[in-house]
C-alpha atoms as a PDB file:
ATOM      1  CA  MET A   1      -3.668 -45.368   3.950  1.00  0.00           C
ATOM      2  CA  SER A   2      -0.918 -44.591   1.492  1.00  0.00           C
ATOM      3  CA  ASN A   3      -1.506 -40.878   1.114  1.00  0.00           C
ATOM      4  CA  LEU A   4      -0.624 -38.145   3.551  1.00  0.00           C
ATOM      5  CA  ARG A   5      -4.207 -36.991   4.105  1.00  0.00           C
ATOM      6  CA  GLU A   6      -5.192 -40.344   5.619  1.00  0.00           C
ATOM      7  CA  GLN A   7      -1.938 -40.584   7.567  1.00  0.00           C
ATOM      8  CA  LEU A   8      -2.496 -37.179   9.121  1.00  0.00           C
ATOM      9  CA  LEU A   9      -5.971 -38.136  10.289  1.00  0.00           C
ATOM     10  CA  ALA A  10      -4.867 -41.516  11.627  1.00  0.00           C
ATOM     11  CA  LYS A  11      -1.632 -40.500  13.334  1.00  0.00           C
ATOM     12  CA  THR A  12      -3.061 -37.478  15.120  1.00  0.00           C
ATOM     13  CA  ALA A  13      -6.192 -39.157  16.468  1.00  0.00           C
ATOM     14  CA  GLY A  14      -4.785 -39.686  19.958  1.00  0.00           C
ATOM     15  CA  ILE A  15      -2.887 -36.432  20.372  1.00  0.00           C
ATOM     16  CA  LYS A  16      -4.243 -33.660  22.545  1.00  0.00           C
ATOM     17  CA  ALA A  17      -5.402 -30.423  21.013  1.00  0.00           C
ATOM     18  CA  THR A  18      -2.926 -27.585  20.649  1.00  0.00           C
ATOM     19  CA  ASP A  19      -4.330 -25.506  23.471  1.00  0.00           C
ATOM     20  CA  GLU A  20      -3.776 -28.430  25.863  1.00  0.00           C
ATOM     21  CA  ARG A  21      -0.135 -28.790  24.877  1.00  0.00           C
ATOM     22  CA  ARG A  22       1.230 -25.275  24.631  1.00  0.00           C
ATOM     23  CA  PRO A  23       1.419 -22.691  27.426  1.00  0.00           C
ATOM     24  CA  ASP A  24       1.269 -19.809  24.972  1.00  0.00           C
ATOM     25  CA  ALA A  25      -2.014 -20.900  23.407  1.00  0.00           C
ATOM     26  CA  SER A  26      -3.525 -17.491  24.155  1.00  0.00           C
ATOM     27  CA  ARG A  27      -1.392 -16.078  21.346  1.00  0.00           C
ATOM     28  CA  ARG A  28      -3.480 -18.106  18.930  1.00  0.00           C
ATOM     29  CA  ALA A  29      -6.805 -17.619  20.652  1.00  0.00           C
ATOM     30  CA  GLY A  30      -8.207 -16.255  17.402  1.00  0.00           C
ATOM     31  CA  ARG A  31      -7.783 -19.621  15.693  1.00  0.00           C
ATOM     32  CA  THR A  32     -10.478 -22.104  16.614  1.00  0.00           C
ATOM     33  CA  GLU A  33      -8.739 -25.449  17.124  1.00  0.00           C
ATOM     34  CA  THR A  34     -10.255 -28.831  17.912  1.00  0.00           C
ATOM     35  CA  ALA A  35      -8.760 -32.300  18.405  1.00  0.00           C
ATOM     36  CA  PRO A  36      -6.496 -33.616  17.037  1.00  0.00           C
ATOM     37  CA  GLY A  37      -5.265 -30.039  16.966  1.00  0.00           C
ATOM     38  CA  MET A  38      -2.601 -28.262  14.968  1.00  0.00           C
ATOM     39  CA  ALA A  39       0.172 -29.629  17.180  1.00  0.00           C
ATOM     40  CA  GLY A  40      -0.934 -33.134  16.304  1.00  0.00           C
ATOM     41  CA  ALA A  41      -1.084 -32.338  12.606  1.00  0.00           C
ATOM     42  CA  LEU A  42       2.403 -30.847  12.814  1.00  0.00           C
ATOM     43  CA  ALA A  43       3.703 -33.947  14.595  1.00  0.00           C
ATOM     44  CA  ALA A  44       2.312 -36.133  11.822  1.00  0.00           C
ATOM     45  CA  ALA A  45       3.828 -33.899   9.145  1.00  0.00           C
ATOM     46  CA  GLN A  46       7.227 -34.023  10.834  1.00  0.00           C
ATOM     47  CA  LEU A  47       6.963 -37.805  11.075  1.00  0.00           C
ATOM     48  CA  ARG A  48       6.147 -37.911   7.375  1.00  0.00           C
ATOM     49  CA  VAL A  49       9.223 -35.807   6.571  1.00  0.00           C
ATOM     50  CA  ARG A  50      11.420 -38.198   8.583  1.00  0.00           C
ATOM     51  CA  GLU A  51       9.934 -41.164   6.719  1.00  0.00           C
ATOM     52  CA  LEU A  52      10.665 -39.469   3.410  1.00  0.00           C
ATOM     53  CA  GLU A  53      14.205 -38.627   4.516  1.00  0.00           C
ATOM     54  CA  SER A  54      14.932 -42.228   5.434  1.00  0.00           C
ATOM     55  CA  SER A  55      13.946 -43.339   1.934  1.00  0.00           C
ATOM     56  CA  GLY A  56      15.895 -40.599   0.148  1.00  0.00           C
ATOM     57  CA  THR A  57      19.371 -40.269  -1.297  1.00  0.00           C
ATOM     58  CA  PRO A  58      21.960 -38.073   0.507  1.00  0.00           C
ATOM     59  CA  SER A  59      23.508 -35.567  -1.904  1.00  0.00           C
ATOM     60  CA  GLN A  60      25.537 -32.371  -2.037  1.00  0.00           C
ATOM     61  CA  LEU A  61      23.759 -30.005  -4.428  1.00  0.00           C
ATOM     62  CA  ALA A  62      24.400 -26.509  -5.720  1.00  0.00           C
ATOM     63  CA  VAL A  63      22.293 -23.933  -3.898  1.00  0.00           C
ATOM     64  CA  ALA A  64      21.523 -22.326  -7.268  1.00  0.00           C
ATOM     65  CA  GLU A  65      19.909 -25.558  -8.527  1.00  0.00           C
ATOM     66  CA  ILE A  66      17.297 -25.472  -5.765  1.00  0.00           C
ATOM     67  CA  VAL A  67      14.056 -23.463  -5.651  1.00  0.00           C
ATOM     68  CA  PRO A  68      11.476 -23.056  -2.843  1.00  0.00           C
ATOM     69  CA  ASN A  69       8.419 -25.249  -2.458  1.00  0.00           C
ATOM     70  CA  PRO A  70       5.852 -23.724  -4.859  1.00  0.00           C
ATOM     71  CA  TRP A  71       3.194 -24.302  -2.188  1.00  0.00           C
ATOM     72  CA  GLN A  72       5.133 -22.368   0.447  1.00  0.00           C
ATOM     73  CA  PRO A  73       2.591 -19.992   2.072  1.00  0.00           C
ATOM     74  CA  ARG A  74       5.085 -17.762   3.850  1.00  0.00           C
ATOM     75  CA  ARG A  75       5.299 -14.248   2.385  1.00  0.00           C
ATOM     76  CA  VAL A  76       7.766 -12.812   4.897  1.00  0.00           C
ATOM     77  CA  PHE A  77      10.773 -14.494   6.499  1.00  0.00           C
ATOM     78  CA  ASN A  78      12.174 -13.116   9.766  1.00  0.00           C
ATOM     79  CA  GLU A  79      15.484 -11.577   8.730  1.00  0.00           C
ATOM     80  CA  ALA A  80      16.857 -11.521  12.288  1.00  0.00           C
ATOM     81  CA  LYS A  81      16.236 -15.236  12.786  1.00  0.00           C
ATOM     82  CA  LEU A  82      17.652 -16.007   9.344  1.00  0.00           C
ATOM     83  CA  SER A  83      20.784 -14.045  10.232  1.00  0.00           C
ATOM     84  CA  GLU A  84      21.164 -16.055  13.450  1.00  0.00           C
ATOM     85  CA  LEU A  85      20.793 -19.306  11.516  1.00  0.00           C
ATOM     86  CA  ALA A  86      23.270 -18.102   8.881  1.00  0.00           C
ATOM     87  CA  ALA A  87      25.812 -17.235  11.589  1.00  0.00           C
ATOM     88  CA  SER A  88      25.398 -20.714  13.111  1.00  0.00           C
ATOM     89  CA  ILE A  89      25.889 -22.393   9.718  1.00  0.00           C
ATOM     90  CA  ARG A  90      28.972 -20.266   9.093  1.00  0.00           C
ATOM     91  CA  GLU A  91      30.480 -21.351  12.435  1.00  0.00           C
ATOM     92  CA  VAL A  92      29.533 -25.019  12.773  1.00  0.00           C
ATOM     93  CA  GLY A  93      28.054 -25.997   9.416  1.00  0.00           C
ATOM     94  CA  LEU A  94      24.644 -27.401   8.552  1.00  0.00           C
ATOM     95  CA  MET A  95      23.453 -29.769  11.261  1.00  0.00           C
ATOM     96  CA  GLN A  96      20.520 -31.263   9.327  1.00  0.00           C
ATOM     97  CA  PRO A  97      20.268 -31.588   5.541  1.00  0.00           C
ATOM     98  CA  ILE A  98      17.324 -30.127   3.705  1.00  0.00           C
ATOM     99  CA  VAL A  99      14.835 -32.359   1.873  1.00  0.00           C
ATOM    100  CA  VAL A 100      14.272 -31.807  -1.856  1.00  0.00           C
ATOM    101  CA  ARG A 101      12.652 -33.513  -4.822  1.00  0.00           C
ATOM    102  CA  ARG A 102      13.624 -33.443  -8.484  1.00  0.00           C
ATOM    103  CA  SER A 103      11.773 -31.092 -10.822  1.00  0.00           C
ATOM    104  CA  ASP A 104      11.962 -30.281 -14.525  1.00  0.00           C
ATOM    105  CA  THR A 105      14.312 -27.360 -13.852  1.00  0.00           C
ATOM    106  CA  GLY A 106      16.356 -28.719 -10.934  1.00  0.00           C
ATOM    107  CA  TYR A 107      15.175 -29.380  -7.380  1.00  0.00           C
ATOM    108  CA  GLN A 108      12.303 -28.134  -5.201  1.00  0.00           C
ATOM    109  CA  ILE A 109      12.495 -27.851  -1.421  1.00  0.00           C
ATOM    110  CA  VAL A 110      10.210 -30.186   0.522  1.00  0.00           C
ATOM    111  CA  ALA A 111      11.484 -29.159   3.977  1.00  0.00           C
ATOM    112  CA  GLY A 112      14.211 -26.773   5.094  1.00  0.00           C
ATOM    113  CA  GLU A 113      13.699 -23.521   3.195  1.00  0.00           C
ATOM    114  CA  ARG A 114      15.091 -21.452   6.101  1.00  0.00           C
ATOM    115  CA  ARG A 115      18.335 -23.434   5.989  1.00  0.00           C
ATOM    116  CA  TRP A 116      18.544 -22.968   2.219  1.00  0.00           C
ATOM    117  CA  ARG A 117      17.958 -19.226   2.529  1.00  0.00           C
ATOM    118  CA  ALA A 118      20.608 -19.020   5.269  1.00  0.00           C
ATOM    119  CA  HIS A 119      23.114 -20.694   2.937  1.00  0.00           C
ATOM    120  CA  LYS A 120      22.376 -18.072   0.286  1.00  0.00           C
ATOM    121  CA  MET A 121      22.803 -15.349   2.890  1.00  0.00           C
ATOM    122  CA  VAL A 122      26.223 -16.689   3.917  1.00  0.00           C
ATOM    123  CA  GLY A 123      27.285 -17.215   0.306  1.00  0.00           C
ATOM    124  CA  ILE A 124      27.877 -20.981   0.509  1.00  0.00           C
ATOM    125  CA  ASP A 125      27.543 -22.491  -2.961  1.00  0.00           C
ATOM    126  CA  THR A 126      26.511 -26.043  -2.022  1.00  0.00           C
ATOM    127  CA  ILE A 127      24.215 -27.577   0.583  1.00  0.00           C
ATOM    128  CA  ARG A 128      23.685 -31.068   2.017  1.00  0.00           C
ATOM    129  CA  THR A 129      20.387 -32.526   0.868  1.00  0.00           C
ATOM    130  CA  VAL A 130      18.284 -35.666   0.877  1.00  0.00           C
ATOM    131  CA  VAL A 131      16.650 -36.218  -2.514  1.00  0.00           C
ATOM    132  CA  ILE A 132      13.275 -37.970  -2.273  1.00  0.00           C
ATOM    133  CA  GLU A 133      10.287 -38.914  -4.390  1.00  0.00           C
ATOM    134  CA  CYS A 134       7.298 -36.794  -3.352  1.00  0.00           C
ATOM    135  CA  SER A 135       3.945 -36.152  -5.021  1.00  0.00           C
ATOM    136  CA  ASP A 136       2.436 -32.710  -5.567  1.00  0.00           C
ATOM    137  CA  HIS A 137      -0.276 -33.209  -2.958  1.00  0.00           C
ATOM    138  CA  ASP A 138       2.286 -34.389  -0.373  1.00  0.00           C
ATOM    139  CA  MET A 139       4.339 -31.281  -1.100  1.00  0.00           C
ATOM    140  CA  ALA A 140       1.303 -29.035  -0.728  1.00  0.00           C
ATOM    141  CA  ILE A 141       0.010 -30.569   2.482  1.00  0.00           C
ATOM    142  CA  LEU A 142       3.410 -30.837   4.160  1.00  0.00           C
ATOM    143  CA  ALA A 143       4.041 -27.143   3.488  1.00  0.00           C
ATOM    144  CA  LEU A 144       0.592 -26.209   4.750  1.00  0.00           C
ATOM    145  CA  VAL A 145       0.613 -28.255   7.946  1.00  0.00           C
ATOM    146  CA  GLU A 146       4.157 -27.317   8.893  1.00  0.00           C
ATOM    147  CA  ASN A 147       3.546 -23.616   8.391  1.00  0.00           C
ATOM    148  CA  VAL A 148       0.019 -23.483   9.806  1.00  0.00           C
ATOM    149  CA  SER A 149       1.412 -24.672  13.142  1.00  0.00           C
ATOM    150  CA  ARG A 150       4.023 -21.931  13.446  1.00  0.00           C
ATOM    151  CA  ASP A 151       3.239 -18.957  15.668  1.00  0.00           C
ATOM    152  CA  ASP A 152       4.944 -16.441  13.375  1.00  0.00           C
ATOM    153  CA  LEU A 153       2.923 -17.266  10.278  1.00  0.00           C
ATOM    154  CA  SER A 154       0.143 -14.744   9.687  1.00  0.00           C
ATOM    155  CA  ASP A 155      -3.506 -15.690   9.237  1.00  0.00           C
ATOM    156  CA  TYR A 156      -3.395 -14.361   5.675  1.00  0.00           C
ATOM    157  CA  GLU A 157      -0.421 -16.558   4.763  1.00  0.00           C
ATOM    158  CA  ILE A 158      -2.225 -19.562   6.224  1.00  0.00           C
ATOM    159  CA  SER A 159      -5.313 -18.694   4.176  1.00  0.00           C
ATOM    160  CA  VAL A 160      -3.288 -18.571   0.950  1.00  0.00           C
ATOM    161  CA  SER A 161      -1.823 -21.998   1.655  1.00  0.00           C
ATOM    162  CA  ILE A 162      -5.217 -23.451   2.577  1.00  0.00           C
ATOM    163  CA  ARG A 163      -6.700 -22.264  -0.719  1.00  0.00           C
ATOM    164  CA  GLN A 164      -3.794 -23.799  -2.639  1.00  0.00           C
ATOM    165  CA  THR A 165      -4.233 -27.123  -0.852  1.00  0.00           C
ATOM    166  CA  GLU A 166      -8.037 -27.280  -0.697  1.00  0.00           C
ATOM    167  CA  LYS A 167      -8.359 -29.095  -4.004  1.00  0.00           C
ATOM    168  CA  ASP A 168      -6.486 -32.089  -2.540  1.00  0.00           C
ATOM    169  CA  PHE A 169      -9.327 -32.817  -0.097  1.00  0.00           C
ATOM    170  CA  PRO A 170     -12.774 -34.205  -0.899  1.00  0.00           C
ATOM    171  CA  ASN A 171     -14.445 -31.515   1.215  1.00  0.00           C
ATOM    172  CA  ARG A 172     -13.731 -28.799   3.739  1.00  0.00           C
ATOM    173  CA  THR A 173     -14.689 -30.966   6.692  1.00  0.00           C
ATOM    174  CA  ARG A 174     -11.818 -33.330   5.925  1.00  0.00           C
ATOM    175  CA  LEU A 175      -9.476 -30.398   5.379  1.00  0.00           C
ATOM    176  CA  ALA A 176     -10.403 -28.916   8.755  1.00  0.00           C
ATOM    177  CA  GLU A 177      -9.857 -32.278  10.448  1.00  0.00           C
ATOM    178  CA  ALA A 178      -6.404 -32.728   8.921  1.00  0.00           C
ATOM    179  CA  LEU A 179      -5.389 -29.236  10.050  1.00  0.00           C
ATOM    180  CA  GLY A 180      -6.724 -29.754  13.555  1.00  0.00           C
ATOM    181  CA  MET A 181      -9.201 -26.878  13.428  1.00  0.00           C
ATOM    182  CA  SER A 182     -12.963 -26.514  13.479  1.00  0.00           C
ATOM    183  CA  ARG A 183     -14.993 -25.795  10.358  1.00  0.00           C
ATOM    184  CA  GLN A 184     -15.749 -22.362  11.801  1.00  0.00           C
ATOM    185  CA  GLY A 185     -12.037 -21.666  12.161  1.00  0.00           C
ATOM    186  CA  LEU A 186     -11.397 -22.898   8.626  1.00  0.00           C
ATOM    187  CA  TYR A 187     -14.098 -20.645   7.173  1.00  0.00           C
ATOM    188  CA  ARG A 188     -12.556 -17.649   8.907  1.00  0.00           C
ATOM    189  CA  PHE A 189      -9.299 -18.304   7.082  1.00  0.00           C
ATOM    190  CA  LEU A 190     -11.163 -18.758   3.812  1.00  0.00           C
ATOM    191  CA  SER A 191     -12.905 -15.393   4.297  1.00  0.00           C
ATOM    192  CA  PHE A 192      -9.778 -13.614   3.014  1.00  0.00           C
ATOM    193  CA  GLU A 193     -10.660 -14.795  -0.480  1.00  0.00           C
ATOM    194  CA  GLY A 194     -13.771 -12.579  -0.550  1.00  0.00           C
ATOM    195  CA  LEU A 195     -11.895  -9.372   0.288  1.00  0.00           C
ATOM    196  CA  PRO A 196     -11.414  -6.692  -2.393  1.00  0.00           C
ATOM    197  CA  ASP A 197      -8.250  -6.898  -4.492  1.00  0.00           C
ATOM    198  CA  PHE A 198      -6.837  -3.651  -3.075  1.00  0.00           C
ATOM    199  CA  ILE A 199      -6.808  -5.224   0.406  1.00  0.00           C
ATOM    200  CA  LYS A 200      -5.321  -8.530  -0.762  1.00  0.00           C
ATOM    201  CA  HIS A 201      -2.624  -6.666  -2.694  1.00  0.00           C
ATOM    202  CA  ASP A 202      -1.477  -4.942   0.500  1.00  0.00           C
ATOM    203  CA  LEU A 203      -1.731  -8.192   2.459  1.00  0.00           C
ATOM    204  CA  ASP A 204       0.650  -9.808  -0.033  1.00  0.00           C
ATOM    205  CA  LEU A 205       3.184  -7.173   1.033  1.00  0.00           C
ATOM    206  CA  GLN A 206       2.228  -6.898   4.721  1.00  0.00           C
ATOM    207  CA  PRO A 207       0.356 -10.102   5.643  1.00  0.00           C
ATOM    208  CA  THR A 208      -0.131  -9.147   9.300  1.00  0.00           C
ATOM    209  CA  LEU A 209      -2.364  -6.151   8.518  1.00  0.00           C
ATOM    210  CA  LEU A 210      -5.545  -8.195   8.951  1.00  0.00           C
ATOM    211  CA  GLY A 211      -6.306 -11.283  11.033  1.00  0.00           C
ATOM    212  CA  SER A 212      -8.860 -13.960  10.217  1.00  0.00           C
ATOM    213  CA  HIS A 213     -11.455 -12.660  12.705  1.00  0.00           C
ATOM    214  CA  ALA A 214     -11.249  -9.162  11.233  1.00  0.00           C
ATOM    215  CA  ALA A 215     -11.342 -10.536   7.675  1.00  0.00           C
ATOM    216  CA  ASN A 216     -14.453 -12.541   8.525  1.00  0.00           C
ATOM    217  CA  ASP A 217     -16.168  -9.450   9.978  1.00  0.00           C
ATOM    218  CA  VAL A 218     -15.278  -7.376   6.918  1.00  0.00           C
ATOM    219  CA  GLY A 219     -16.520 -10.136   4.598  1.00  0.00           C
ATOM    220  CA  ALA A 220     -19.889 -10.183   6.364  1.00  0.00           C
ATOM    221  CA  VAL A 221     -20.260  -6.401   6.004  1.00  0.00           C
ATOM    222  CA  LEU A 222     -19.307  -6.537   2.318  1.00  0.00           C
ATOM    223  CA  LYS A 223     -21.833  -9.289   1.705  1.00  0.00           C
ATOM    224  CA  LYS A 224     -24.594  -7.324   3.435  1.00  0.00           C
ATOM    225  CA  HIS A 225     -23.987  -3.884   1.908  1.00  0.00           C
ATOM    226  CA  GLY A 226     -22.403  -4.677  -1.465  1.00  0.00           C
ATOM    227  CA  GLN A 227     -20.653  -1.963  -3.457  1.00  0.00           C
ATOM    228  CA  ALA A 228     -21.387   0.724  -0.863  1.00  0.00           C
ATOM    229  CA  ALA A 229     -19.334  -1.286   1.638  1.00  0.00           C
ATOM    230  CA  VAL A 230     -16.521  -1.802  -0.878  1.00  0.00           C
ATOM    231  CA  ASP A 231     -16.370   1.966  -1.419  1.00  0.00           C
ATOM    232  CA  ALA A 232     -16.347   2.597   2.328  1.00  0.00           C
ATOM    233  CA  ALA A 233     -13.653  -0.055   2.831  1.00  0.00           C
ATOM    234  CA  LYS A 234     -11.468   1.556   0.185  1.00  0.00           C
ATOM    235  CA  GLU A 235     -11.771   4.895   1.975  1.00  0.00           C
ATOM    236  CA  LEU A 236     -11.017   3.441   5.422  1.00  0.00           C
ATOM    237  CA  TRP A 237      -8.363   0.861   4.490  1.00  0.00           C
ATOM    238  CA  PRO A 238      -5.432   3.360   4.504  1.00  0.00           C
ATOM    239  CA  GLN A 239      -6.199   3.961   8.180  1.00  0.00           C
ATOM    240  CA  VAL A 240      -5.757   0.247   8.869  1.00  0.00           C
ATOM    241  CA  VAL A 241      -2.487   0.225   6.931  1.00  0.00           C
ATOM    242  CA  SER A 242      -1.179   3.234   8.861  1.00  0.00           C
ATOM    243  CA  GLY A 243      -2.310   1.785  12.187  1.00  0.00           C
ATOM    244  CA  SER A 244      -4.694   4.630  13.028  1.00  0.00           C
ATOM    245  CA  LEU A 245      -7.671   2.243  12.762  1.00  0.00           C
ATOM    246  CA  GLN A 246      -7.460  -1.065  14.613  1.00  0.00           C
ATOM    247  CA  GLN A 247      -8.030  -4.037  12.339  1.00  0.00           C
ATOM    248  CA  GLY A 248     -10.597  -5.459  14.761  1.00  0.00           C
ATOM    249  CA  LYS A 249     -12.716  -2.317  14.331  1.00  0.00           C
ATOM    250  CA  PHE A 250     -12.421  -2.186  10.550  1.00  0.00           C
ATOM    251  CA  GLY A 251     -15.631  -4.092   9.792  1.00  0.00           C
ATOM    252  CA  ALA A 252     -17.697  -2.010  12.212  1.00  0.00           C
ATOM    253  CA  ALA A 253     -16.209   1.191  10.807  1.00  0.00           C
ATOM    254  CA  ILE A 254     -17.223   0.166   7.280  1.00  0.00           C
ATOM    255  CA  ALA A 255     -20.794  -0.551   8.403  1.00  0.00           C
ATOM    256  CA  SER A 256     -20.982   2.736  10.292  1.00  0.00           C
ATOM    257  CA  LEU A 257     -19.786   4.732   7.288  1.00  0.00           C
ATOM    258  CA  VAL A 258     -22.239   2.995   4.962  1.00  0.00           C
ATOM    259  CA  ASN A 259     -25.119   3.598   7.370  1.00  0.00           C
ATOM    260  CA  SER A 260     -24.268   7.259   7.913  1.00  0.00           C
ATOM    261  CA  ARG A 261     -24.209   7.866   4.175  1.00  0.00           C
ATOM    262  CA  SER A 262     -27.500   6.097   3.593  1.00  0.00           C
ATOM    263  CA  GLY A 263     -29.112   7.718   6.629  1.00  0.00           C
ATOM    264  CA  VAL A 264     -30.133   4.326   8.001  1.00  0.00           C
ATOM    265  CA  THR A 265     -29.270   2.805  11.344  1.00  0.00           C
ATOM    266  CA  ASN A 266     -30.252  -0.419  13.050  1.00  0.00           C
ATOM    267  CA  GLY A 267     -33.983  -0.873  13.442  1.00  0.00           C
ATOM    268  CA  GLY A 268     -34.895   0.925  10.224  1.00  0.00           C
ATOM    269  CA  ARG A 269     -34.545   4.431  11.644  1.00  0.00           C
ATOM    270  CA  SER A 270     -33.320   7.368   9.604  1.00  0.00           C
ATOM    271  CA  ILE A 271     -30.867   9.793  11.130  1.00  0.00           C
ATOM    272  CA  ASP A 272     -29.426  13.091   9.958  1.00  0.00           C
ATOM    273  CA  LYS A 273     -26.615  14.841  11.770  1.00  0.00           C
ATOM    274  CA  PHE A 274     -26.097  18.623  11.766  1.00  0.00           C
ATOM    275  CA  PHE A 275     -23.019  20.575  12.687  1.00  0.00           C
ATOM    276  CA  SER A 276     -21.840  23.897  14.026  1.00  0.00           C
ATOM    277  CA  GLY A 277     -18.533  24.388  12.279  1.00  0.00           C
ATOM    278  CA  LYS A 278     -16.724  21.046  12.609  1.00  0.00           C
ATOM    279  CA  ALA A 279     -18.494  20.024  15.803  1.00  0.00           C
ATOM    280  CA  GLN A 280     -21.695  17.981  15.713  1.00  0.00           C
ATOM    281  CA  ALA A 281     -24.474  20.056  17.224  1.00  0.00           C
ATOM    282  CA  GLY A 282     -27.120  17.324  17.217  1.00  0.00           C
ATOM    283  CA  ASN A 283     -29.225  15.045  15.064  1.00  0.00           C
ATOM    284  CA  ILE A 284     -32.718  14.462  13.739  1.00  0.00           C
ATOM    285  CA  THR A 285     -34.030  10.899  14.086  1.00  0.00           C
ATOM    286  CA  LYS A 286     -37.182   9.413  12.612  1.00  0.00           C
ATOM    287  CA  ASP A 287     -38.607   5.933  13.175  1.00  0.00           C
ATOM    288  CA  ALA A 288     -42.055   4.352  12.959  1.00  0.00           C
ATOM    289  CA  SER A 289     -43.312   6.181  16.057  1.00  0.00           C
ATOM    290  CA  ASN A 290     -41.306   9.359  16.584  1.00  0.00           C
ATOM    291  CA  PHE A 291     -39.641  12.321  14.972  1.00  0.00           C
ATOM    292  CA  THR A 292     -36.928  13.502  17.366  1.00  0.00           C
ATOM    293  CA  VAL A 293     -34.656  16.527  17.271  1.00  0.00           C
ATOM    294  CA  ARG A 294     -31.690  16.395  19.646  1.00  0.00           C
ATOM    295  CA  ILE A 295     -29.499  19.460  20.146  1.00  0.00           C
ATOM    296  CA  LYS A 296     -26.548  19.647  22.511  1.00  0.00           C
ATOM    297  CA  VAL A 297     -27.272  22.205  25.232  1.00  0.00           C
ATOM    298  CA  ASP A 298     -23.850  23.804  25.011  1.00  0.00           C
ATOM    299  CA  MET A 299     -24.456  24.466  21.313  1.00  0.00           C
ATOM    300  CA  LEU A 300     -27.502  26.683  21.964  1.00  0.00           C
ATOM    301  CA  THR A 301     -27.670  30.319  22.964  1.00  0.00           C
ATOM    302  CA  GLU A 302     -30.679  31.527  24.930  1.00  0.00           C
ATOM    303  CA  GLU A 303     -31.877  33.414  21.853  1.00  0.00           C
ATOM    304  CA  GLN A 304     -31.634  30.297  19.638  1.00  0.00           C
ATOM    305  CA  GLU A 305     -33.536  28.258  22.196  1.00  0.00           C
ATOM    306  CA  ARG A 306     -36.253  30.918  22.354  1.00  0.00           C
ATOM    307  CA  LYS A 307     -36.618  30.919  18.550  1.00  0.00           C
ATOM    308  CA  ILE A 308     -36.825  27.118  18.376  1.00  0.00           C
ATOM    309  CA  ARG A 309     -39.528  27.007  21.023  1.00  0.00           C
ATOM    310  CA  GLN A 310     -41.436  29.785  19.267  1.00  0.00           C
ATOM    311  CA  MET A 311     -41.158  28.041  15.889  1.00  0.00           C
ATOM    312  CA  ILE A 312     -42.459  24.730  17.261  1.00  0.00           C
ATOM    313  CA  GLY A 313     -45.284  26.490  19.085  1.00  0.00           C
ATOM    314  CA  ASN A 314     -46.346  28.336  15.947  1.00  0.00           C
ATOM    315  CA  LEU A 315     -46.053  25.176  13.832  1.00  0.00           C
ATOM    316  CA  PHE A 316     -48.484  23.142  15.909  1.00  0.00           C
ATOM    317  CA  SER A 317     -50.797  25.959  17.071  1.00  0.00           C
ATOM    318  CA  ALA A 318     -51.781  26.477  13.456  1.00  0.00           C
ATOM    319  CA  GLN A 319     -53.013  22.885  13.167  1.00  0.00           C
ATOM    320  CA  PRO A 320     -56.620  21.966  14.113  1.00  0.00           C
ATOM    321  CA  HIS A 321     -57.062  19.809  17.220  1.00  0.00           C
ATOM    322  CA  SER A 322     -58.926  16.523  16.976  1.00  0.00           C
ATOM    323  CA  ASN A 323     -61.230  15.444  19.765  1.00  0.00           C
END
């Protein structure tokens, strides 16, 4: 078991699932987790980092020579927390060196990007490091597992990292096992990939706009209704961005808009709405058995009601009766 994938699966086998270990598990209720759980995967990743550190070479490197892990999924770093870390480093120095590996252009961070960013914020030119040998797939999986287990990483950021790392696993079942989540939970994260580009573009800038459950719902609607759903999503998406439409209701809103435009509702019925000014006065519904006109009582005057009754009476009195 020389590679990290096998080590993750072996070392987390006896660790309880995340929701058994953390009191705030309700915050991540939207992420389906199964044993060994994300906490176990994180523990294995941290152990792997310590093993790599112990085999590395302590060094003092220029901050400018170092670049982030190219597999880093995080799009947004908490500026307040970075400022706190920077203030601590300014006062007492760096307590734990960062871990890097050599690259063609300098050094890449394996672990410790927050500390590196805090050094840049403070304006310190050099940073304590441990230089290690680390393969691409170790880099990718360490970044994924470490970040997937953090509460402040958005579902979209996790999905980006999962897609970058997926090629390092023989199949998605093994990937789900290593991350401590169910296949269903994994597929929810992967559902972001099927979203239209205009949504993913905004998620790159504001990754918390849409969670994995909402993305999965939207993906199902897009798959069912095709281009009509894409058009409806494009019309409704600004409401999600502004906060006037809850992300959890986005998929249902797309389906409702598509259905209203096509005149089709569940069960194969057709429905047409009519209005008095801006207010809906009623609707006409047709299915396999009935043709129904519904009018709101407060929308009718006595004279209008009389005319409707007279029109219906005349319409059917002119038809011959069958015995």
